[in-house]
Amino acid sequence: PDLSGYEKFGLGNVKYNISRIHVTAIEFPSASISLIPGSGIKLVIGNASLTIDMNWNIRTWMFKDSGRSTVYISKVFVTAIFSTPLDNTGHTSISLTSCRTTSGDIDIKLNGKS
């Protein structure tokens, strides 16, 4: 979904809008799934990266600008634990028990009119 809102900076508000957000690339060079006996599944993703393209525009009382942006996020690590209990009918269900995510580097390139 698009993101929009206001942020207060110094002498006034900055109105922003981020739209047409698209994940254009994603890499999982290291991923593993393991069973946790009697309780569920553990998913570990290491050193992942993703690239996101989007449109942006900002407006203040002094100026306005808009353009395209590319965000590259790297060194992403995710550990997720899923529980897999049986429901009342004996079918397996799955739910996220815990999730920890960290990212190392974020590179943002803004292309605008100004």
PDB file of N, CA and C in Angstrom:
ATOM      1  N   PRO A   1       0.818  -1.203   0.000  1.00  0.00           N
ATOM      2  CA  PRO A   1       0.000   0.000   0.000  1.00  0.00           C
ATOM      3  C   PRO A   1       0.859   1.264   0.000  1.00  0.00           C
ATOM      4  N   ASP A   2       0.288   2.350  -0.468  1.00  0.00           N
ATOM      5  CA  ASP A   2       0.976   3.634  -0.452  1.00  0.00           C
ATOM      6  C   ASP A   2       1.130   4.124   0.982  1.00  0.00           C
ATOM      7  N   LEU A   3       2.137   4.953   1.198  1.00  0.00           N
ATOM      8  CA  LEU A   3       2.377   5.559   2.511  1.00  0.00           C
ATOM      9  C   LEU A   3       2.275   7.067   2.366  1.00  0.00           C
ATOM     10  N   SER A   4       1.561   7.716   3.267  1.00  0.00           N
ATOM     11  CA  SER A   4       1.497   9.170   3.232  1.00  0.00           C
ATOM     12  C   SER A   4       1.290   9.682   4.641  1.00  0.00           C
ATOM     13  N   GLY A   5       1.656  10.945   4.839  1.00  0.00           N
ATOM     14  CA  GLY A   5       1.476  11.528   6.147  1.00  0.00           C
ATOM     15  C   GLY A   5       2.165  12.864   6.276  1.00  0.00           C
ATOM     16  N   TYR A   6       2.252  13.332   7.519  1.00  0.00           N
ATOM     17  CA  TYR A   6       2.894  14.599   7.857  1.00  0.00           C
ATOM     18  C   TYR A   6       3.950  14.340   8.920  1.00  0.00           C
ATOM     19  N   GLU A   7       5.046  15.061   8.819  1.00  0.00           N
ATOM     20  CA  GLU A   7       6.073  15.058   9.859  1.00  0.00           C
ATOM     21  C   GLU A   7       6.412  16.499  10.175  1.00  0.00           C
ATOM     22  N   LYS A   8       6.610  16.814  11.442  1.00  0.00           N
ATOM     23  CA  LYS A   8       6.955  18.179  11.840  1.00  0.00           C
ATOM     24  C   LYS A   8       8.471  18.319  11.901  1.00  0.00           C
ATOM     25  N   PHE A   9       8.992  19.276  11.155  1.00  0.00           N
ATOM     26  CA  PHE A   9      10.420  19.562  11.124  1.00  0.00           C
ATOM     27  C   PHE A   9      10.621  21.058  11.259  1.00  0.00           C
ATOM     28  N   GLY A  10      11.362  21.470  12.256  1.00  0.00           N
ATOM     29  CA  GLY A  10      11.738  22.873  12.413  1.00  0.00           C
ATOM     30  C   GLY A  10      10.587  23.850  12.292  1.00  0.00           C
ATOM     31  N   LEU A  11      10.528  24.577  11.183  1.00  0.00           N
ATOM     32  CA  LEU A  11       9.573  25.661  11.009  1.00  0.00           C
ATOM     33  C   LEU A  11       8.217  25.244  10.463  1.00  0.00           C
ATOM     34  N   GLY A  12       8.025  23.976  10.161  1.00  0.00           N
ATOM     35  CA  GLY A  12       6.735  23.596   9.619  1.00  0.00           C
ATOM     36  C   GLY A  12       6.601  22.109   9.408  1.00  0.00           C
ATOM     37  N   ASN A  13       5.516  21.762   8.746  1.00  0.00           N
ATOM     38  CA  ASN A  13       5.236  20.359   8.469  1.00  0.00           C
ATOM     39  C   ASN A  13       5.736  19.968   7.086  1.00  0.00           C
ATOM     40  N   VAL A  14       6.113  18.718   6.968  1.00  0.00           N
ATOM     41  CA  VAL A  14       6.481  18.139   5.678  1.00  0.00           C
ATOM     42  C   VAL A  14       5.415  17.104   5.363  1.00  0.00           C
ATOM     43  N   LYS A  15       4.746  17.291   4.239  1.00  0.00           N
ATOM     44  CA  LYS A  15       3.761  16.319   3.776  1.00  0.00           C
ATOM     45  C   LYS A  15       4.478  15.402   2.794  1.00  0.00           C
ATOM     46  N   TYR A  16       4.320  14.089   2.992  1.00  0.00           N
ATOM     47  CA  TYR A  16       4.996  13.150   2.108  1.00  0.00           C
ATOM     48  C   TYR A  16       4.018  12.101   1.587  1.00  0.00           C
ATOM     49  N   ASN A  17       4.364  11.554   0.440  1.00  0.00           N
ATOM     50  CA  ASN A  17       3.603  10.460  -0.146  1.00  0.00           C
ATOM     51  C   ASN A  17       4.577   9.524  -0.850  1.00  0.00           C
ATOM     52  N   ILE A  18       4.497   8.250  -0.536  1.00  0.00           N
ATOM     53  CA  ILE A  18       5.318   7.223  -1.195  1.00  0.00           C
ATOM     54  C   ILE A  18       4.337   6.263  -1.853  1.00  0.00           C
ATOM     55  N   SER A  19       4.476   6.098  -3.168  1.00  0.00           N
ATOM     56  CA  SER A  19       3.504   5.298  -3.909  1.00  0.00           C
ATOM     57  C   SER A  19       4.208   4.363  -4.898  1.00  0.00           C
ATOM     58  N   ARG A  20       3.422   3.478  -5.466  1.00  0.00           N
ATOM     59  CA  ARG A  20       3.899   2.509  -6.458  1.00  0.00           C
ATOM     60  C   ARG A  20       5.128   1.748  -5.946  1.00  0.00           C
ATOM     61  N   ILE A  21       5.011   1.237  -4.733  1.00  0.00           N
ATOM     62  CA  ILE A  21       6.094   0.508  -4.088  1.00  0.00           C
ATOM     63  C   ILE A  21       6.150  -0.899  -4.669  1.00  0.00           C
ATOM     64  N   HIS A  22       7.313  -1.260  -5.210  1.00  0.00           N
ATOM     65  CA  HIS A  22       7.491  -2.576  -5.829  1.00  0.00           C
ATOM     66  C   HIS A  22       8.807  -3.192  -5.376  1.00  0.00           C
ATOM     67  N   VAL A  23       8.749  -4.426  -4.902  1.00  0.00           N
ATOM     68  CA  VAL A  23       9.969  -5.186  -4.630  1.00  0.00           C
ATOM     69  C   VAL A  23      10.437  -5.722  -5.975  1.00  0.00           C
ATOM     70  N   THR A  24      11.610  -5.266  -6.417  1.00  0.00           N
ATOM     71  CA  THR A  24      12.093  -5.647  -7.746  1.00  0.00           C
ATOM     72  C   THR A  24      13.115  -6.777  -7.720  1.00  0.00           C
ATOM     73  N   ALA A  25      13.706  -7.021  -6.563  1.00  0.00           N
ATOM     74  CA  ALA A  25      14.670  -8.128  -6.453  1.00  0.00           C
ATOM     75  C   ALA A  25      14.739  -8.567  -5.001  1.00  0.00           C
ATOM     76  N   ILE A  26      14.937  -9.873  -4.821  1.00  0.00           N
ATOM     77  CA  ILE A  26      15.104 -10.420  -3.473  1.00  0.00           C
ATOM     78  C   ILE A  26      16.026 -11.629  -3.586  1.00  0.00           C
ATOM     79  N   GLU A  27      16.957 -11.731  -2.672  1.00  0.00           N
ATOM     80  CA  GLU A  27      17.911 -12.845  -2.681  1.00  0.00           C
ATOM     81  C   GLU A  27      17.997 -13.466  -1.300  1.00  0.00           C
ATOM     82  N   PHE A  28      17.962 -14.800  -1.268  1.00  0.00           N
ATOM     83  CA  PHE A  28      18.138 -15.579  -0.043  1.00  0.00           C
ATOM     84  C   PHE A  28      19.334 -16.503  -0.231  1.00  0.00           C
ATOM     85  N   PRO A  29      20.560 -16.001  -0.100  1.00  0.00           N
ATOM     86  CA  PRO A  29      21.713 -16.863  -0.331  1.00  0.00           C
ATOM     87  C   PRO A  29      21.885 -17.955   0.711  1.00  0.00           C
ATOM     88  N   SER A  30      21.311 -17.751   1.885  1.00  0.00           N
ATOM     89  CA  SER A  30      21.422 -18.743   2.942  1.00  0.00           C
ATOM     90  C   SER A  30      20.078 -18.854   3.653  1.00  0.00           C
ATOM     91  N   ALA A  31      19.405 -19.991   3.465  1.00  0.00           N
ATOM     92  CA  ALA A  31      18.121 -20.205   4.125  1.00  0.00           C
ATOM     93  C   ALA A  31      18.022 -21.663   4.544  1.00  0.00           C
ATOM     94  N   SER A  32      17.447 -21.886   5.720  1.00  0.00           N
ATOM     95  CA  SER A  32      17.272 -23.263   6.173  1.00  0.00           C
ATOM     96  C   SER A  32      15.976 -23.382   6.974  1.00  0.00           C
ATOM     97  N   ILE A  33      15.399 -24.555   6.901  1.00  0.00           N
ATOM     98  CA  ILE A  33      14.214 -24.889   7.673  1.00  0.00           C
ATOM     99  C   ILE A  33      14.528 -26.153   8.460  1.00  0.00           C
ATOM    100  N   SER A  34      14.223 -26.123   9.747  1.00  0.00           N
ATOM    101  CA  SER A  34      14.457 -27.313  10.557  1.00  0.00           C
ATOM    102  C   SER A  34      13.237 -27.562  11.446  1.00  0.00           C
ATOM    103  N   LEU A  35      13.058 -28.820  11.789  1.00  0.00           N
ATOM    104  CA  LEU A  35      11.961 -29.208  12.671  1.00  0.00           C
ATOM    105  C   LEU A  35      12.399 -29.085  14.121  1.00  0.00           C
ATOM    106  N   ILE A  36      11.520 -28.586  14.950  1.00  0.00           N
ATOM    107  CA  ILE A  36      11.734 -28.535  16.385  1.00  0.00           C
ATOM    108  C   ILE A  36      10.846 -29.641  16.959  1.00  0.00           C
ATOM    109  N   PRO A  37      11.434 -30.746  17.398  1.00  0.00           N
ATOM    110  CA  PRO A  37      10.635 -31.900  17.835  1.00  0.00           C
ATOM    111  C   PRO A  37       9.558 -31.527  18.850  1.00  0.00           C
ATOM    112  N   GLY A  38       8.339 -31.928  18.543  1.00  0.00           N
ATOM    113  CA  GLY A  38       7.225 -31.736  19.450  1.00  0.00           C
ATOM    114  C   GLY A  38       6.634 -30.342  19.492  1.00  0.00           C
ATOM    115  N   SER A  39       7.222 -29.384  18.739  1.00  0.00           N
ATOM    116  CA  SER A  39       6.665 -28.040  18.855  1.00  0.00           C
ATOM    117  C   SER A  39       6.480 -27.293  17.539  1.00  0.00           C
ATOM    118  N   GLY A  40       7.359 -27.470  16.560  1.00  0.00           N
ATOM    119  CA  GLY A  40       7.149 -26.690  15.347  1.00  0.00           C
ATOM    120  C   GLY A  40       8.293 -26.680  14.374  1.00  0.00           C
ATOM    121  N   ILE A  41       8.455 -25.524  13.747  1.00  0.00           N
ATOM    122  CA  ILE A  41       9.406 -25.345  12.648  1.00  0.00           C
ATOM    123  C   ILE A  41      10.218 -24.076  12.903  1.00  0.00           C
ATOM    124  N   LYS A  42      11.508 -24.148  12.589  1.00  0.00           N
ATOM    125  CA  LYS A  42      12.383 -22.982  12.697  1.00  0.00           C
ATOM    126  C   LYS A  42      12.870 -22.622  11.296  1.00  0.00           C
ATOM    127  N   LEU A  43      12.690 -21.368  10.915  1.00  0.00           N
ATOM    128  CA  LEU A  43      13.145 -20.841   9.634  1.00  0.00           C
ATOM    129  C   LEU A  43      14.257 -19.844   9.904  1.00  0.00           C
ATOM    130  N   VAL A  44      15.402 -20.027   9.251  1.00  0.00           N
ATOM    131  CA  VAL A  44      16.523 -19.101   9.395  1.00  0.00           C
ATOM    132  C   VAL A  44      16.937 -18.635   8.008  1.00  0.00           C
ATOM    133  N   ILE A  45      16.959 -17.319   7.820  1.00  0.00           N
ATOM    134  CA  ILE A  45      17.409 -16.716   6.569  1.00  0.00           C
ATOM    135  C   ILE A  45      18.593 -15.832   6.912  1.00  0.00           C
ATOM    136  N   GLY A  46      19.706 -16.042   6.213  1.00  0.00           N
ATOM    137  CA  GLY A  46      20.913 -15.275   6.496  1.00  0.00           C
ATOM    138  C   GLY A  46      21.407 -14.514   5.294  1.00  0.00           C
ATOM    139  N   ASN A  47      21.866 -13.302   5.537  1.00  0.00           N
ATOM    140  CA  ASN A  47      22.502 -12.452   4.536  1.00  0.00           C
ATOM    141  C   ASN A  47      21.614 -12.215   3.313  1.00  0.00           C
ATOM    142  N   ALA A  48      20.327 -12.041   3.539  1.00  0.00           N
ATOM    143  CA  ALA A  48      19.399 -11.769   2.437  1.00  0.00           C
ATOM    144  C   ALA A  48      19.502 -10.301   2.025  1.00  0.00           C
ATOM    145  N   SER A  49      18.967 -10.001   0.850  1.00  0.00           N
ATOM    146  CA  SER A  49      18.921  -8.617   0.379  1.00  0.00           C
ATOM    147  C   SER A  49      17.675  -8.414  -0.466  1.00  0.00           C
ATOM    148  N   LEU A  50      17.246  -7.165  -0.535  1.00  0.00           N
ATOM    149  CA  LEU A  50      16.125  -6.852  -1.410  1.00  0.00           C
ATOM    150  C   LEU A  50      16.249  -5.442  -1.944  1.00  0.00           C
ATOM    151  N   THR A  51      15.655  -5.232  -3.115  1.00  0.00           N
ATOM    152  CA  THR A  51      15.638  -3.932  -3.770  1.00  0.00           C
ATOM    153  C   THR A  51      14.188  -3.518  -3.950  1.00  0.00           C
ATOM    154  N   ILE A  52      13.897  -2.276  -3.590  1.00  0.00           N
ATOM    155  CA  ILE A  52      12.541  -1.744  -3.659  1.00  0.00           C
ATOM    156  C   ILE A  52      12.575  -0.451  -4.473  1.00  0.00           C
ATOM    157  N   ASP A  53      11.695  -0.338  -5.470  1.00  0.00           N
ATOM    158  CA  ASP A  53      11.537   0.898  -6.237  1.00  0.00           C
ATOM    159  C   ASP A  53      10.226   1.557  -5.844  1.00  0.00           C
ATOM    160  N   MET A  54      10.197   2.885  -5.882  1.00  0.00           N
ATOM    161  CA  MET A  54       8.977   3.605  -5.497  1.00  0.00           C
ATOM    162  C   MET A  54       8.994   5.023  -6.055  1.00  0.00           C
ATOM    163  N   ASN A  55       7.809   5.620  -6.108  1.00  0.00           N
ATOM    164  CA  ASN A  55       7.670   7.048  -6.390  1.00  0.00           C
ATOM    165  C   ASN A  55       7.558   7.770  -5.054  1.00  0.00           C
ATOM    166  N   TRP A  56       7.997   9.012  -5.005  1.00  0.00           N
ATOM    167  CA  TRP A  56       7.882   9.796  -3.784  1.00  0.00           C
ATOM    168  C   TRP A  56       7.586  11.250  -4.127  1.00  0.00           C
ATOM    169  N   ASN A  57       6.945  11.942  -3.218  1.00  0.00           N
ATOM    170  CA  ASN A  57       6.841  13.392  -3.320  1.00  0.00           C
ATOM    171  C   ASN A  57       6.731  13.975  -1.919  1.00  0.00           C
ATOM    172  N   ILE A  58       7.301  15.161  -1.778  1.00  0.00           N
ATOM    173  CA  ILE A  58       7.246  15.878  -0.513  1.00  0.00           C
ATOM    174  C   ILE A  58       6.818  17.314  -0.796  1.00  0.00           C
ATOM    175  N   ARG A  59       6.183  17.902   0.213  1.00  0.00           N
ATOM    176  CA  ARG A  59       5.730  19.287   0.073  1.00  0.00           C
ATOM    177  C   ARG A  59       5.859  19.968   1.427  1.00  0.00           C
ATOM    178  N   THR A  60       6.458  21.159   1.423  1.00  0.00           N
ATOM    179  CA  THR A  60       6.526  22.010   2.606  1.00  0.00           C
ATOM    180  C   THR A  60       5.981  23.375   2.208  1.00  0.00           C
ATOM    181  N   TRP A  61       5.951  24.293   3.142  1.00  0.00           N
ATOM    182  CA  TRP A  61       5.505  25.645   2.818  1.00  0.00           C
ATOM    183  C   TRP A  61       6.514  26.357   1.916  1.00  0.00           C
ATOM    184  N   MET A  62       7.779  25.857   1.870  1.00  0.00           N
ATOM    185  CA  MET A  62       8.818  26.515   1.073  1.00  0.00           C
ATOM    186  C   MET A  62       9.021  25.886  -0.305  1.00  0.00           C
ATOM    187  N   PHE A  63       8.869  24.567  -0.424  1.00  0.00           N
ATOM    188  CA  PHE A  63       9.151  23.910  -1.695  1.00  0.00           C
ATOM    189  C   PHE A  63       8.395  22.598  -1.797  1.00  0.00           C
ATOM    190  N   LYS A  64       8.408  22.057  -3.002  1.00  0.00           N
ATOM    191  CA  LYS A  64       7.870  20.722  -3.233  1.00  0.00           C
ATOM    192  C   LYS A  64       8.789  20.026  -4.222  1.00  0.00           C
ATOM    193  N   ASP A  65       8.830  18.701  -4.129  1.00  0.00           N
ATOM    194  CA  ASP A  65       9.667  17.917  -5.024  1.00  0.00           C
ATOM    195  C   ASP A  65       9.076  16.519  -5.127  1.00  0.00           C
ATOM    196  N   SER A  66       9.436  15.830  -6.199  1.00  0.00           N
ATOM    197  CA  SER A  66       8.966  14.463  -6.402  1.00  0.00           C
ATOM    198  C   SER A  66       9.960  13.735  -7.287  1.00  0.00           C
ATOM    199  N   GLY A  67       9.850  12.421  -7.312  1.00  0.00           N
ATOM    200  CA  GLY A  67      10.744  11.635  -8.157  1.00  0.00           C
ATOM    201  C   GLY A  67      10.594  10.150  -7.891  1.00  0.00           C
ATOM    202  N   ARG A  68      11.628   9.421  -8.293  1.00  0.00           N
ATOM    203  CA  ARG A  68      11.704   7.980  -8.086  1.00  0.00           C
ATOM    204  C   ARG A  68      12.790   7.703  -7.058  1.00  0.00           C
ATOM    205  N   SER A  69      12.671   6.562  -6.406  1.00  0.00           N
ATOM    206  CA  SER A  69      13.659   6.171  -5.415  1.00  0.00           C
ATOM    207  C   SER A  69      13.893   4.669  -5.517  1.00  0.00           C
ATOM    208  N   THR A  70      15.129   4.280  -5.257  1.00  0.00           N
ATOM    209  CA  THR A  70      15.481   2.871  -5.146  1.00  0.00           C
ATOM    210  C   THR A  70      16.108   2.660  -3.781  1.00  0.00           C
ATOM    211  N   VAL A  71      15.601   1.676  -3.056  1.00  0.00           N
ATOM    212  CA  VAL A  71      16.116   1.341  -1.734  1.00  0.00           C
ATOM    213  C   VAL A  71      16.696  -0.067  -1.811  1.00  0.00           C
ATOM    214  N   TYR A  72      17.960  -0.202  -1.421  1.00  0.00           N
ATOM    215  CA  TYR A  72      18.620  -1.505  -1.390  1.00  0.00           C
ATOM    216  C   TYR A  72      18.918  -1.836   0.064  1.00  0.00           C
ATOM    217  N   ILE A  73      18.356  -2.927   0.546  1.00  0.00           N
ATOM    218  CA  ILE A  73      18.548  -3.367   1.929  1.00  0.00           C
ATOM    219  C   ILE A  73      19.344  -4.664   1.889  1.00  0.00           C
ATOM    220  N   SER A  74      20.459  -4.704   2.600  1.00  0.00           N
ATOM    221  CA  SER A  74      21.308  -5.901   2.581  1.00  0.00           C
ATOM    222  C   SER A  74      21.660  -6.334   3.993  1.00  0.00           C
ATOM    223  N   LYS A  75      22.267  -7.488   4.078  1.00  0.00           N
ATOM    224  CA  LYS A  75      22.653  -8.093   5.357  1.00  0.00           C
ATOM    225  C   LYS A  75      21.426  -8.279   6.253  1.00  0.00           C
ATOM    226  N   VAL A  76      20.359  -8.810   5.657  1.00  0.00           N
ATOM    227  CA  VAL A  76      19.119  -9.056   6.389  1.00  0.00           C
ATOM    228  C   VAL A  76      19.154 -10.465   6.965  1.00  0.00           C
ATOM    229  N   PHE A  77      18.875 -10.577   8.252  1.00  0.00           N
ATOM    230  CA  PHE A  77      18.851 -11.863   8.934  1.00  0.00           C
ATOM    231  C   PHE A  77      17.493 -12.033   9.595  1.00  0.00           C
ATOM    232  N   VAL A  78      16.879 -13.182   9.389  1.00  0.00           N
ATOM    233  CA  VAL A  78      15.551 -13.467   9.942  1.00  0.00           C
ATOM    234  C   VAL A  78      15.585 -14.830  10.623  1.00  0.00           C
ATOM    235  N   THR A  79      15.062 -14.892  11.832  1.00  0.00           N
ATOM    236  CA  THR A  79      14.825 -16.166  12.505  1.00  0.00           C
ATOM    237  C   THR A  79      13.363 -16.174  12.932  1.00  0.00           C
ATOM    238  N   ALA A  80      12.619 -17.162  12.453  1.00  0.00           N
ATOM    239  CA  ALA A  80      11.198 -17.266  12.777  1.00  0.00           C
ATOM    240  C   ALA A  80      10.901 -18.655  13.310  1.00  0.00           C
ATOM    241  N   ILE A  81      10.094 -18.703  14.345  1.00  0.00           N
ATOM    242  CA  ILE A  81       9.652 -19.969  14.935  1.00  0.00           C
ATOM    243  C   ILE A  81       8.145 -20.081  14.727  1.00  0.00           C
ATOM    244  N   PHE A  82       7.717 -21.192  14.157  1.00  0.00           N
ATOM    245  CA  PHE A  82       6.301 -21.457  13.926  1.00  0.00           C
ATOM    246  C   PHE A  82       5.882 -22.652  14.776  1.00  0.00           C
ATOM    247  N   SER A  83       4.741 -22.539  15.449  1.00  0.00           N
ATOM    248  CA  SER A  83       4.203 -23.697  16.160  1.00  0.00           C
ATOM    249  C   SER A  83       3.241 -24.404  15.213  1.00  0.00           C
ATOM    250  N   THR A  84       3.145 -25.715  15.369  1.00  0.00           N
ATOM    251  CA  THR A  84       2.305 -26.530  14.474  1.00  0.00           C
ATOM    252  C   THR A  84       1.411 -27.465  15.285  1.00  0.00           C
ATOM    253  N   PRO A  85       0.505 -26.902  16.092  1.00  0.00           N
ATOM    254  CA  PRO A  85      -0.374 -27.768  16.885  1.00  0.00           C
ATOM    255  C   PRO A  85      -1.496 -28.353  16.024  1.00  0.00           C
ATOM    256  N   LEU A  86      -2.113 -29.393  16.555  1.00  0.00           N
ATOM    257  CA  LEU A  86      -3.297 -29.964  15.916  1.00  0.00           C
ATOM    258  C   LEU A  86      -4.526 -29.210  16.420  1.00  0.00           C
ATOM    259  N   ASP A  87      -5.476 -28.916  15.513  1.00  0.00           N
ATOM    260  CA  ASP A  87      -6.711 -28.268  15.941  1.00  0.00           C
ATOM    261  C   ASP A  87      -7.711 -29.315  16.439  1.00  0.00           C
ATOM    262  N   ASN A  88      -8.924 -28.910  16.763  1.00  0.00           N
ATOM    263  CA  ASN A  88      -9.948 -29.808  17.322  1.00  0.00           C
ATOM    264  C   ASN A  88     -10.276 -30.980  16.412  1.00  0.00           C
ATOM    265  N   THR A  89     -10.106 -30.775  15.107  1.00  0.00           N
ATOM    266  CA  THR A  89     -10.462 -31.829  14.148  1.00  0.00           C
ATOM    267  C   THR A  89      -9.278 -32.728  13.807  1.00  0.00           C
ATOM    268  N   GLY A  90      -8.111 -32.453  14.392  1.00  0.00           N
ATOM    269  CA  GLY A  90      -6.936 -33.263  14.123  1.00  0.00           C
ATOM    270  C   GLY A  90      -6.077 -32.754  12.977  1.00  0.00           C
ATOM    271  N   HIS A  91      -6.456 -31.625  12.397  1.00  0.00           N
ATOM    272  CA  HIS A  91      -5.659 -31.031  11.327  1.00  0.00           C
ATOM    273  C   HIS A  91      -4.553 -30.155  11.912  1.00  0.00           C
ATOM    274  N   THR A  92      -3.438 -30.120  11.238  1.00  0.00           N
ATOM    275  CA  THR A  92      -2.328 -29.288  11.681  1.00  0.00           C
ATOM    276  C   THR A  92      -2.591 -27.835  11.323  1.00  0.00           C
ATOM    277  N   SER A  93      -2.372 -26.955  12.272  1.00  0.00           N
ATOM    278  CA  SER A  93      -2.443 -25.520  12.004  1.00  0.00           C
ATOM    279  C   SER A  93      -1.037 -24.961  12.182  1.00  0.00           C
ATOM    280  N   ILE A  94      -0.815 -23.754  11.714  1.00  0.00           N
ATOM    281  CA  ILE A  94       0.500 -23.139  11.852  1.00  0.00           C
ATOM    282  C   ILE A  94       0.319 -21.699  12.301  1.00  0.00           C
ATOM    283  N   SER A  95       1.142 -21.287  13.265  1.00  0.00           N
ATOM    284  CA  SER A  95       1.099 -19.896  13.715  1.00  0.00           C
ATOM    285  C   SER A  95       2.510 -19.446  14.074  1.00  0.00           C
ATOM    286  N   LEU A  96       2.759 -18.178  13.847  1.00  0.00           N
ATOM    287  CA  LEU A  96       4.057 -17.594  14.139  1.00  0.00           C
ATOM    288  C   LEU A  96       4.180 -17.394  15.643  1.00  0.00           C
ATOM    289  N   THR A  97       5.200 -18.011  16.240  1.00  0.00           N
ATOM    290  CA  THR A  97       5.435 -17.903  17.673  1.00  0.00           C
ATOM    291  C   THR A  97       6.387 -16.759  17.989  1.00  0.00           C
ATOM    292  N   SER A  98       7.459 -16.647  17.202  1.00  0.00           N
ATOM    293  CA  SER A  98       8.409 -15.555  17.398  1.00  0.00           C
ATOM    294  C   SER A  98       9.109 -15.249  16.083  1.00  0.00           C
ATOM    295  N   CYS A  99       9.567 -14.004  15.971  1.00  0.00           N
ATOM    296  CA  CYS A  99      10.281 -13.587  14.761  1.00  0.00           C
ATOM    297  C   CYS A  99      11.268 -12.502  15.138  1.00  0.00           C
ATOM    298  N   ARG A 100      12.495 -12.639  14.685  1.00  0.00           N
ATOM    299  CA  ARG A 100      13.535 -11.641  14.930  1.00  0.00           C
ATOM    300  C   ARG A 100      14.172 -11.317  13.596  1.00  0.00           C
ATOM    301  N   THR A 101      14.228 -10.027  13.279  1.00  0.00           N
ATOM    302  CA  THR A 101      14.799  -9.579  12.012  1.00  0.00           C
ATOM    303  C   THR A 101      15.776  -8.451  12.263  1.00  0.00           C
ATOM    304  N   THR A 102      16.920  -8.513  11.609  1.00  0.00           N
ATOM    305  CA  THR A 102      17.880  -7.408  11.651  1.00  0.00           C
ATOM    306  C   THR A 102      18.338  -7.117  10.226  1.00  0.00           C
ATOM    307  N   SER A 103      18.712  -5.875   9.987  1.00  0.00           N
ATOM    308  CA  SER A 103      19.283  -5.515   8.684  1.00  0.00           C
ATOM    309  C   SER A 103      20.552  -4.720   8.936  1.00  0.00           C
ATOM    310  N   GLY A 104      21.525  -4.918   8.078  1.00  0.00           N
ATOM    311  CA  GLY A 104      22.817  -4.283   8.269  1.00  0.00           C
ATOM    312  C   GLY A 104      22.975  -2.977   7.537  1.00  0.00           C
ATOM    313  N   ASP A 105      22.649  -2.953   6.247  1.00  0.00           N
ATOM    314  CA  ASP A 105      22.879  -1.769   5.427  1.00  0.00           C
ATOM    315  C   ASP A 105      21.623  -1.396   4.658  1.00  0.00           C
ATOM    316  N   ILE A 106      21.369  -0.095   4.566  1.00  0.00           N
ATOM    317  CA  ILE A 106      20.292   0.427   3.746  1.00  0.00           C
ATOM    318  C   ILE A 106      20.868   1.547   2.886  1.00  0.00           C
ATOM    319  N   ASP A 107      20.733   1.408   1.584  1.00  0.00           N
ATOM    320  CA  ASP A 107      21.219   2.400   0.632  1.00  0.00           C
ATOM    321  C   ASP A 107      20.003   2.983  -0.091  1.00  0.00           C
ATOM    322  N   ILE A 108      19.824   4.295  -0.007  1.00  0.00           N
ATOM    323  CA  ILE A 108      18.670   4.950  -0.615  1.00  0.00           C
ATOM    324  C   ILE A 108      19.155   5.921  -1.687  1.00  0.00           C
ATOM    325  N   LYS A 109      18.648   5.754  -2.898  1.00  0.00           N
ATOM    326  CA  LYS A 109      18.959   6.656  -3.994  1.00  0.00           C
ATOM    327  C   LYS A 109      17.690   7.408  -4.371  1.00  0.00           C
ATOM    328  N   LEU A 110      17.737   8.746  -4.254  1.00  0.00           N
ATOM    329  CA  LEU A 110      16.607   9.584  -4.597  1.00  0.00           C
ATOM    330  C   LEU A 110      16.891  10.298  -5.915  1.00  0.00           C
ATOM    331  N   ASN A 111      15.975  10.201  -6.844  1.00  0.00           N
ATOM    332  CA  ASN A 111      16.065  10.925  -8.097  1.00  0.00           C
ATOM    333  C   ASN A 111      14.877  11.871  -8.150  1.00  0.00           C
ATOM    334  N   GLY A 112      15.152  13.165  -8.127  1.00  0.00           N
ATOM    335  CA  GLY A 112      14.071  14.143  -8.107  1.00  0.00           C
ATOM    336  C   GLY A 112      14.351  15.296  -9.035  1.00  0.00           C
ATOM    337  N   LYS A 113      13.469  16.239  -9.016  1.00  0.00           N
ATOM    338  CA  LYS A 113      13.587  17.396  -9.877  1.00  0.00           C
ATOM    339  C   LYS A 113      14.571  18.416  -9.327  1.00  0.00           C
ATOM    340  N   SER A 114      14.664  18.521  -8.006  1.00  0.00           N
ATOM    341  CA  SER A 114      15.566  19.509  -7.385  1.00  0.00           C
ATOM    342  C   SER A 114      16.954  18.963  -7.205  1.00  0.00           C
TER     343      SER A 114
END
